[in-house]
Amino acid sequence: MRPILSALILLAATGACTQIVSEQDTTFTYRGDTYRAVIRDYSSGSQSFTKRVVYDGNKPISCSATDDLDCAAAISYERLDSND
């Protein structure tokens, strides 16, 4: 337990957190409908990554910034999951 606590304290002390570097408003088309989307670039220390969030109504759906099929699958999955 002590090594885990030490690691958490070390991470907190070094400020290892992810920050949004840039944000771009855009749209995403799924099955003929156009949805609001945001592409965000993140930075965490020496690493960076990009994600897209598509808004199906007020529901944010996170997916790949570069793979439209991933976003279409994520929307489809969220819609199926919300019907349970």
PDB file of N, CA and C in Angstrom:
ATOM      1  N   MET A   1       0.817  -1.189   0.000  1.00  0.00           N
ATOM      2  CA  MET A   1       0.000   0.000   0.000  1.00  0.00           C
ATOM      3  C   MET A   1       0.863   1.255   0.000  1.00  0.00           C
ATOM      4  N   ARG A   2       1.947   1.199   0.700  1.00  0.00           N
ATOM      5  CA  ARG A   2       2.811   2.369   0.802  1.00  0.00           C
ATOM      6  C   ARG A   2       3.417   2.781  -0.544  1.00  0.00           C
ATOM      7  N   PRO A   3       3.857   1.835  -1.410  1.00  0.00           N
ATOM      8  CA  PRO A   3       4.388   2.255  -2.712  1.00  0.00           C
ATOM      9  C   PRO A   3       3.333   2.963  -3.570  1.00  0.00           C
ATOM     10  N   ILE A   4       2.085   2.531  -3.487  1.00  0.00           N
ATOM     11  CA  ILE A   4       1.023   3.166  -4.260  1.00  0.00           C
ATOM     12  C   ILE A   4       0.806   4.589  -3.773  1.00  0.00           C
ATOM     13  N   LEU A   5       0.771   4.765  -2.467  1.00  0.00           N
ATOM     14  CA  LEU A   5       0.589   6.094  -1.897  1.00  0.00           C
ATOM     15  C   LEU A   5       1.750   7.005  -2.284  1.00  0.00           C
ATOM     16  N   SER A   6       2.963   6.485  -2.246  1.00  0.00           N
ATOM     17  CA  SER A   6       4.136   7.267  -2.637  1.00  0.00           C
ATOM     18  C   SER A   6       4.054   7.687  -4.105  1.00  0.00           C
ATOM     19  N   ALA A   7       3.603   6.780  -4.967  1.00  0.00           N
ATOM     20  CA  ALA A   7       3.477   7.094  -6.388  1.00  0.00           C
ATOM     21  C   ALA A   7       2.428   8.175  -6.614  1.00  0.00           C
ATOM     22  N   LEU A   8       1.320   8.099  -5.907  1.00  0.00           N
ATOM     23  CA  LEU A   8       0.279   9.116  -6.043  1.00  0.00           C
ATOM     24  C   LEU A   8       0.773  10.489  -5.593  1.00  0.00           C
ATOM     25  N   ILE A   9       1.502  10.517  -4.504  1.00  0.00           N
ATOM     26  CA  ILE A   9       2.049  11.782  -4.008  1.00  0.00           C
ATOM     27  C   ILE A   9       3.055  12.346  -5.007  1.00  0.00           C
ATOM     28  N   LEU A  10       3.878  11.483  -5.593  1.00  0.00           N
ATOM     29  CA  LEU A  10       4.866  11.919  -6.571  1.00  0.00           C
ATOM     30  C   LEU A  10       4.176  12.506  -7.807  1.00  0.00           C
ATOM     31  N   LEU A  11       3.131  11.847  -8.299  1.00  0.00           N
ATOM     32  CA  LEU A  11       2.401  12.356  -9.460  1.00  0.00           C
ATOM     33  C   LEU A  11       1.758  13.705  -9.164  1.00  0.00           C
ATOM     34  N   ALA A  12       1.190  13.836  -7.989  1.00  0.00           N
ATOM     35  CA  ALA A  12       0.561  15.098  -7.608  1.00  0.00           C
ATOM     36  C   ALA A  12       1.601  16.211  -7.491  1.00  0.00           C
ATOM     37  N   ALA A  13       2.752  15.887  -6.959  1.00  0.00           N
ATOM     38  CA  ALA A  13       3.796  16.882  -6.753  1.00  0.00           C
ATOM     39  C   ALA A  13       4.419  17.349  -8.066  1.00  0.00           C
ATOM     40  N   THR A  14       4.486  16.472  -9.064  1.00  0.00           N
ATOM     41  CA  THR A  14       5.113  16.854 -10.331  1.00  0.00           C
ATOM     42  C   THR A  14       4.128  17.522 -11.276  1.00  0.00           C
ATOM     43  N   GLY A  15       2.860  17.569 -10.903  1.00  0.00           N
ATOM     44  CA  GLY A  15       1.868  18.231 -11.742  1.00  0.00           C
ATOM     45  C   GLY A  15       1.557  17.466 -13.010  1.00  0.00           C
ATOM     46  N   ALA A  16       1.596  16.153 -12.960  1.00  0.00           N
ATOM     47  CA  ALA A  16       1.338  15.318 -14.127  1.00  0.00           C
ATOM     48  C   ALA A  16      -0.156  15.298 -14.427  1.00  0.00           C
ATOM     49  N   CYS A  17      -0.594  16.286 -15.201  1.00  0.00           N
ATOM     50  CA  CYS A  17      -2.000  16.341 -15.571  1.00  0.00           C
ATOM     51  C   CYS A  17      -2.111  16.663 -17.050  1.00  0.00           C
ATOM     52  N   THR A  18      -3.247  16.360 -17.603  1.00  0.00           N
ATOM     53  CA  THR A  18      -3.490  16.602 -19.013  1.00  0.00           C
ATOM     54  C   THR A  18      -4.157  17.957 -19.191  1.00  0.00           C
ATOM     55  N   GLN A  19      -3.658  18.724 -20.148  1.00  0.00           N
ATOM     56  CA  GLN A  19      -4.204  20.051 -20.412  1.00  0.00           C
ATOM     57  C   GLN A  19      -4.665  20.145 -21.861  1.00  0.00           C
ATOM     58  N   ILE A  20      -5.733  20.894 -22.093  1.00  0.00           N
ATOM     59  CA  ILE A  20      -6.191  21.151 -23.457  1.00  0.00           C
ATOM     60  C   ILE A  20      -5.312  22.248 -24.040  1.00  0.00           C
ATOM     61  N   VAL A  21      -4.676  21.947 -25.171  1.00  0.00           N
ATOM     62  CA  VAL A  21      -3.775  22.886 -25.822  1.00  0.00           C
ATOM     63  C   VAL A  21      -4.535  23.726 -26.849  1.00  0.00           C
ATOM     64  N   SER A  22      -5.427  23.083 -27.600  1.00  0.00           N
ATOM     65  CA  SER A  22      -6.229  23.824 -28.571  1.00  0.00           C
ATOM     66  C   SER A  22      -7.571  23.137 -28.759  1.00  0.00           C
ATOM     67  N   GLU A  23      -8.514  23.894 -29.292  1.00  0.00           N
ATOM     68  CA  GLU A  23      -9.873  23.390 -29.465  1.00  0.00           C
ATOM     69  C   GLU A  23     -10.441  23.973 -30.753  1.00  0.00           C
ATOM     70  N   GLN A  24     -11.043  23.129 -31.581  1.00  0.00           N
ATOM     71  CA  GLN A  24     -11.592  23.570 -32.859  1.00  0.00           C
ATOM     72  C   GLN A  24     -13.029  23.095 -32.997  1.00  0.00           C
ATOM     73  N   ASP A  25     -13.958  24.027 -33.191  1.00  0.00           N
ATOM     74  CA  ASP A  25     -15.347  23.667 -33.435  1.00  0.00           C
ATOM     75  C   ASP A  25     -15.494  23.199 -34.872  1.00  0.00           C
ATOM     76  N   THR A  26     -16.249  22.119 -35.064  1.00  0.00           N
ATOM     77  CA  THR A  26     -16.442  21.563 -36.388  1.00  0.00           C
ATOM     78  C   THR A  26     -17.780  20.823 -36.409  1.00  0.00           C
ATOM     79  N   THR A  27     -18.027  20.056 -37.442  1.00  0.00           N
ATOM     80  CA  THR A  27     -19.242  19.249 -37.521  1.00  0.00           C
ATOM     81  C   THR A  27     -18.877  17.827 -37.914  1.00  0.00           C
ATOM     82  N   PHE A  28     -19.808  16.913 -37.687  1.00  0.00           N
ATOM     83  CA  PHE A  28     -19.645  15.525 -38.089  1.00  0.00           C
ATOM     84  C   PHE A  28     -20.961  15.056 -38.685  1.00  0.00           C
ATOM     85  N   THR A  29     -20.899  14.421 -39.844  1.00  0.00           N
ATOM     86  CA  THR A  29     -22.105  13.936 -40.512  1.00  0.00           C
ATOM     87  C   THR A  29     -22.236  12.437 -40.290  1.00  0.00           C
ATOM     88  N   TYR A  30     -23.403  12.033 -39.772  1.00  0.00           N
ATOM     89  CA  TYR A  30     -23.687  10.624 -39.494  1.00  0.00           C
ATOM     90  C   TYR A  30     -25.067  10.303 -40.055  1.00  0.00           C
ATOM     91  N   ARG A  31     -25.100   9.383 -41.008  1.00  0.00           N
ATOM     92  CA  ARG A  31     -26.347   8.956 -41.649  1.00  0.00           C
ATOM     93  C   ARG A  31     -27.173  10.129 -42.173  1.00  0.00           C
ATOM     94  N   GLY A  32     -26.486  11.079 -42.784  1.00  0.00           N
ATOM     95  CA  GLY A  32     -27.155  12.211 -43.395  1.00  0.00           C
ATOM     96  C   GLY A  32     -27.469  13.372 -42.471  1.00  0.00           C
ATOM     97  N   ASP A  33     -27.293  13.206 -41.185  1.00  0.00           N
ATOM     98  CA  ASP A  33     -27.528  14.280 -40.215  1.00  0.00           C
ATOM     99  C   ASP A  33     -26.190  14.892 -39.797  1.00  0.00           C
ATOM    100  N   THR A  34     -26.188  16.201 -39.597  1.00  0.00           N
ATOM    101  CA  THR A  34     -24.977  16.907 -39.192  1.00  0.00           C
ATOM    102  C   THR A  34     -25.038  17.228 -37.708  1.00  0.00           C
ATOM    103  N   TYR A  35     -23.956  16.894 -36.997  1.00  0.00           N
ATOM    104  CA  TYR A  35     -23.868  17.090 -35.549  1.00  0.00           C
ATOM    105  C   TYR A  35     -22.721  18.046 -35.228  1.00  0.00           C
ATOM    106  N   ARG A  36     -22.887  18.793 -34.165  1.00  0.00           N
ATOM    107  CA  ARG A  36     -21.804  19.653 -33.674  1.00  0.00           C
ATOM    108  C   ARG A  36     -20.694  18.761 -33.132  1.00  0.00           C
ATOM    109  N   ALA A  37     -19.465  19.148 -33.384  1.00  0.00           N
ATOM    110  CA  ALA A  37     -18.316  18.387 -32.892  1.00  0.00           C
ATOM    111  C   ALA A  37     -17.205  19.355 -32.479  1.00  0.00           C
ATOM    112  N   VAL A  38     -16.327  18.878 -31.605  1.00  0.00           N
ATOM    113  CA  VAL A  38     -15.172  19.656 -31.156  1.00  0.00           C
ATOM    114  C   VAL A  38     -13.951  18.746 -31.218  1.00  0.00           C
ATOM    115  N   ILE A  39     -12.885  19.239 -31.828  1.00  0.00           N
ATOM    116  CA  ILE A  39     -11.620  18.504 -31.851  1.00  0.00           C
ATOM    117  C   ILE A  39     -10.682  19.197 -30.877  1.00  0.00           C
ATOM    118  N   ARG A  40     -10.169  18.417 -29.932  1.00  0.00           N
ATOM    119  CA  ARG A  40      -9.292  18.974 -28.894  1.00  0.00           C
ATOM    120  C   ARG A  40      -7.920  18.315 -28.951  1.00  0.00           C
ATOM    121  N   ASP A  41      -6.891  19.153 -28.859  1.00  0.00           N
ATOM    122  CA  ASP A  41      -5.515  18.678 -28.729  1.00  0.00           C
ATOM    123  C   ASP A  41      -5.135  18.761 -27.263  1.00  0.00           C
ATOM    124  N   TYR A  42      -4.620  17.655 -26.735  1.00  0.00           N
ATOM    125  CA  TYR A  42      -4.242  17.566 -25.329  1.00  0.00           C
ATOM    126  C   TYR A  42      -2.735  17.392 -25.205  1.00  0.00           C
ATOM    127  N   SER A  43      -2.198  17.847 -24.090  1.00  0.00           N
ATOM    128  CA  SER A  43      -0.787  17.658 -23.790  1.00  0.00           C
ATOM    129  C   SER A  43      -0.650  17.194 -22.345  1.00  0.00           C
ATOM    130  N   SER A  44       0.200  16.203 -22.162  1.00  0.00           N
ATOM    131  CA  SER A  44       0.494  15.697 -20.828  1.00  0.00           C
ATOM    132  C   SER A  44       2.001  15.490 -20.739  1.00  0.00           C
ATOM    133  N   GLY A  45       2.675  16.492 -20.258  1.00  0.00           N
ATOM    134  CA  GLY A  45       4.131  16.405 -20.193  1.00  0.00           C
ATOM    135  C   GLY A  45       4.721  16.397 -21.594  1.00  0.00           C
ATOM    136  N   SER A  46       5.439  15.334 -21.940  1.00  0.00           N
ATOM    137  CA  SER A  46       6.070  15.244 -23.259  1.00  0.00           C
ATOM    138  C   SER A  46       5.186  14.525 -24.276  1.00  0.00           C
ATOM    139  N   GLN A  47       3.999  14.085 -23.880  1.00  0.00           N
ATOM    140  CA  GLN A  47       3.101  13.380 -24.792  1.00  0.00           C
ATOM    141  C   GLN A  47       1.922  14.275 -25.175  1.00  0.00           C
ATOM    142  N   SER A  48       1.410  14.059 -26.381  1.00  0.00           N
ATOM    143  CA  SER A  48       0.224  14.787 -26.811  1.00  0.00           C
ATOM    144  C   SER A  48      -0.691  13.847 -27.578  1.00  0.00           C
ATOM    145  N   PHE A  49      -1.981  14.168 -27.611  1.00  0.00           N
ATOM    146  CA  PHE A  49      -2.945  13.371 -28.358  1.00  0.00           C
ATOM    147  C   PHE A  49      -4.138  14.249 -28.709  1.00  0.00           C
ATOM    148  N   THR A  50      -4.931  13.776 -29.651  1.00  0.00           N
ATOM    149  CA  THR A  50      -6.082  14.517 -30.146  1.00  0.00           C
ATOM    150  C   THR A  50      -7.315  13.641 -30.060  1.00  0.00           C
ATOM    151  N   LYS A  51      -8.427  14.218 -29.634  1.00  0.00           N
ATOM    152  CA  LYS A  51      -9.709  13.510 -29.569  1.00  0.00           C
ATOM    153  C   LYS A  51     -10.794  14.389 -30.175  1.00  0.00           C
ATOM    154  N   ARG A  52     -11.828  13.735 -30.676  1.00  0.00           N
ATOM    155  CA  ARG A  52     -13.001  14.453 -31.185  1.00  0.00           C
ATOM    156  C   ARG A  52     -14.176  14.099 -30.283  1.00  0.00           C
ATOM    157  N   VAL A  53     -14.998  15.092 -29.990  1.00  0.00           N
ATOM    158  CA  VAL A  53     -16.230  14.876 -29.230  1.00  0.00           C
ATOM    159  C   VAL A  53     -17.379  15.312 -30.133  1.00  0.00           C
ATOM    160  N   VAL A  54     -18.281  14.360 -30.418  1.00  0.00           N
ATOM    161  CA  VAL A  54     -19.460  14.640 -31.229  1.00  0.00           C
ATOM    162  C   VAL A  54     -20.637  14.750 -30.267  1.00  0.00           C
ATOM    163  N   TYR A  55     -21.461  15.773 -30.452  1.00  0.00           N
ATOM    164  CA  TYR A  55     -22.611  15.982 -29.564  1.00  0.00           C
ATOM    165  C   TYR A  55     -23.881  15.498 -30.244  1.00  0.00           C
ATOM    166  N   ASP A  56     -24.437  14.415 -29.701  1.00  0.00           N
ATOM    167  CA  ASP A  56     -25.719  13.874 -30.150  1.00  0.00           C
ATOM    168  C   ASP A  56     -26.764  14.479 -29.222  1.00  0.00           C
ATOM    169  N   GLY A  57     -27.328  15.610 -29.636  1.00  0.00           N
ATOM    170  CA  GLY A  57     -28.150  16.396 -28.720  1.00  0.00           C
ATOM    171  C   GLY A  57     -27.223  17.029 -27.707  1.00  0.00           C
ATOM    172  N   ASN A  58     -27.476  16.792 -26.428  1.00  0.00           N
ATOM    173  CA  ASN A  58     -26.595  17.287 -25.364  1.00  0.00           C
ATOM    174  C   ASN A  58     -25.607  16.233 -24.899  1.00  0.00           C
ATOM    175  N   LYS A  59     -25.654  15.044 -25.502  1.00  0.00           N
ATOM    176  CA  LYS A  59     -24.806  13.941 -25.058  1.00  0.00           C
ATOM    177  C   LYS A  59     -23.459  13.954 -25.798  1.00  0.00           C
ATOM    178  N   PRO A  60     -22.346  14.140 -25.068  1.00  0.00           N
ATOM    179  CA  PRO A  60     -21.032  14.118 -25.712  1.00  0.00           C
ATOM    180  C   PRO A  60     -20.575  12.679 -25.959  1.00  0.00           C
ATOM    181  N   ILE A  61     -20.074  12.422 -27.154  1.00  0.00           N
ATOM    182  CA  ILE A  61     -19.575  11.095 -27.515  1.00  0.00           C
ATOM    183  C   ILE A  61     -18.136  11.259 -27.986  1.00  0.00           C
ATOM    184  N   SER A  62     -17.201  10.670 -27.261  1.00  0.00           N
ATOM    185  CA  SER A  62     -15.781  10.794 -27.563  1.00  0.00           C
ATOM    186  C   SER A  62     -15.369   9.738 -28.585  1.00  0.00           C
ATOM    187  N   CYS A  63     -14.539  10.171 -29.554  1.00  0.00           N
ATOM    188  CA  CYS A  63     -14.073   9.237 -30.574  1.00  0.00           C
ATOM    189  C   CYS A  63     -12.773   9.763 -31.183  1.00  0.00           C
ATOM    190  N   SER A  64     -12.269   9.029 -32.171  1.00  0.00           N
ATOM    191  CA  SER A  64     -11.028   9.398 -32.834  1.00  0.00           C
ATOM    192  C   SER A  64     -11.179  10.713 -33.597  1.00  0.00           C
ATOM    193  N   ALA A  65     -10.144  11.522 -33.575  1.00  0.00           N
ATOM    194  CA  ALA A  65     -10.168  12.791 -34.297  1.00  0.00           C
ATOM    195  C   ALA A  65      -9.962  12.586 -35.796  1.00  0.00           C
ATOM    196  N   THR A  66      -9.434  11.430 -36.185  1.00  0.00           N
ATOM    197  CA  THR A  66      -9.086  11.208 -37.589  1.00  0.00           C
ATOM    198  C   THR A  66      -9.845  10.060 -38.247  1.00  0.00           C
ATOM    199  N   ASP A  67     -10.561   9.265 -37.482  1.00  0.00           N
ATOM    200  CA  ASP A  67     -11.233   8.080 -38.021  1.00  0.00           C
ATOM    201  C   ASP A  67     -12.749   8.256 -37.939  1.00  0.00           C
ATOM    202  N   ASP A  68     -13.367   8.615 -39.058  1.00  0.00           N
ATOM    203  CA  ASP A  68     -14.810   8.838 -39.082  1.00  0.00           C
ATOM    204  C   ASP A  68     -15.596   7.572 -38.756  1.00  0.00           C
ATOM    205  N   LEU A  69     -15.075   6.410 -39.153  1.00  0.00           N
ATOM    206  CA  LEU A  69     -15.772   5.155 -38.838  1.00  0.00           C
ATOM    207  C   LEU A  69     -15.814   4.901 -37.335  1.00  0.00           C
ATOM    208  N   ASP A  70     -14.757   5.298 -36.630  1.00  0.00           N
ATOM    209  CA  ASP A  70     -14.748   5.164 -35.171  1.00  0.00           C
ATOM    210  C   ASP A  70     -15.841   6.024 -34.553  1.00  0.00           C
ATOM    211  N   CYS A  71     -16.009   7.237 -35.066  1.00  0.00           N
ATOM    212  CA  CYS A  71     -17.044   8.130 -34.535  1.00  0.00           C
ATOM    213  C   CYS A  71     -18.441   7.593 -34.849  1.00  0.00           C
ATOM    214  N   ALA A  72     -18.632   7.076 -36.060  1.00  0.00           N
ATOM    215  CA  ALA A  72     -19.932   6.500 -36.418  1.00  0.00           C
ATOM    216  C   ALA A  72     -20.250   5.307 -35.517  1.00  0.00           C
ATOM    217  N   ALA A  73     -19.265   4.470 -35.261  1.00  0.00           N
ATOM    218  CA  ALA A  73     -19.465   3.319 -34.378  1.00  0.00           C
ATOM    219  C   ALA A  73     -19.756   3.764 -32.946  1.00  0.00           C
ATOM    220  N   ALA A  74     -19.080   4.814 -32.488  1.00  0.00           N
ATOM    221  CA  ALA A  74     -19.301   5.311 -31.127  1.00  0.00           C
ATOM    222  C   ALA A  74     -20.718   5.861 -30.970  1.00  0.00           C
ATOM    223  N   ILE A  75     -21.209   6.590 -31.988  1.00  0.00           N
ATOM    224  CA  ILE A  75     -22.577   7.114 -31.939  1.00  0.00           C
ATOM    225  C   ILE A  75     -23.575   5.970 -31.917  1.00  0.00           C
ATOM    226  N   SER A  76     -23.373   4.995 -32.795  1.00  0.00           N
ATOM    227  CA  SER A  76     -24.263   3.841 -32.857  1.00  0.00           C
ATOM    228  C   SER A  76     -24.287   3.087 -31.528  1.00  0.00           C
ATOM    229  N   TYR A  77     -23.102   2.872 -30.947  1.00  0.00           N
ATOM    230  CA  TYR A  77     -23.004   2.161 -29.673  1.00  0.00           C
ATOM    231  C   TYR A  77     -23.726   2.925 -28.567  1.00  0.00           C
ATOM    232  N   GLU A  78     -23.506   4.230 -28.496  1.00  0.00           N
ATOM    233  CA  GLU A  78     -24.149   5.043 -27.442  1.00  0.00           C
ATOM    234  C   GLU A  78     -25.662   5.013 -27.578  1.00  0.00           C
ATOM    235  N   ARG A  79     -26.150   5.031 -28.802  1.00  0.00           N
ATOM    236  CA  ARG A  79     -27.593   4.982 -29.003  1.00  0.00           C
ATOM    237  C   ARG A  79     -28.159   3.630 -28.591  1.00  0.00           C
ATOM    238  N   LEU A  80     -27.468   2.557 -28.916  1.00  0.00           N
ATOM    239  CA  LEU A  80     -27.917   1.225 -28.491  1.00  0.00           C
ATOM    240  C   LEU A  80     -27.853   1.084 -26.987  1.00  0.00           C
ATOM    241  N   ASP A  81     -26.769   1.597 -26.386  1.00  0.00           N
ATOM    242  CA  ASP A  81     -26.572   1.484 -24.945  1.00  0.00           C
ATOM    243  C   ASP A  81     -27.626   2.276 -24.183  1.00  0.00           C
ATOM    244  N   SER A  82     -28.061   3.404 -24.730  1.00  0.00           N
ATOM    245  CA  SER A  82     -29.055   4.223 -24.026  1.00  0.00           C
ATOM    246  C   SER A  82     -30.451   3.619 -24.097  1.00  0.00           C
ATOM    247  N   ASN A  83     -30.642   2.632 -24.963  1.00  0.00           N
ATOM    248  CA  ASN A  83     -31.946   1.979 -25.084  1.00  0.00           C
ATOM    249  C   ASN A  83     -32.112   0.813 -24.111  1.00  0.00           C
ATOM    250  N   ASP A  84     -31.059   0.481 -23.368  1.00  0.00           N
ATOM    251  CA  ASP A  84     -31.140  -0.649 -22.402  1.00  0.00           C
ATOM    252  C   ASP A  84     -32.013  -0.318 -21.221  1.00  0.00           C
TER     253      ASP A  84
END
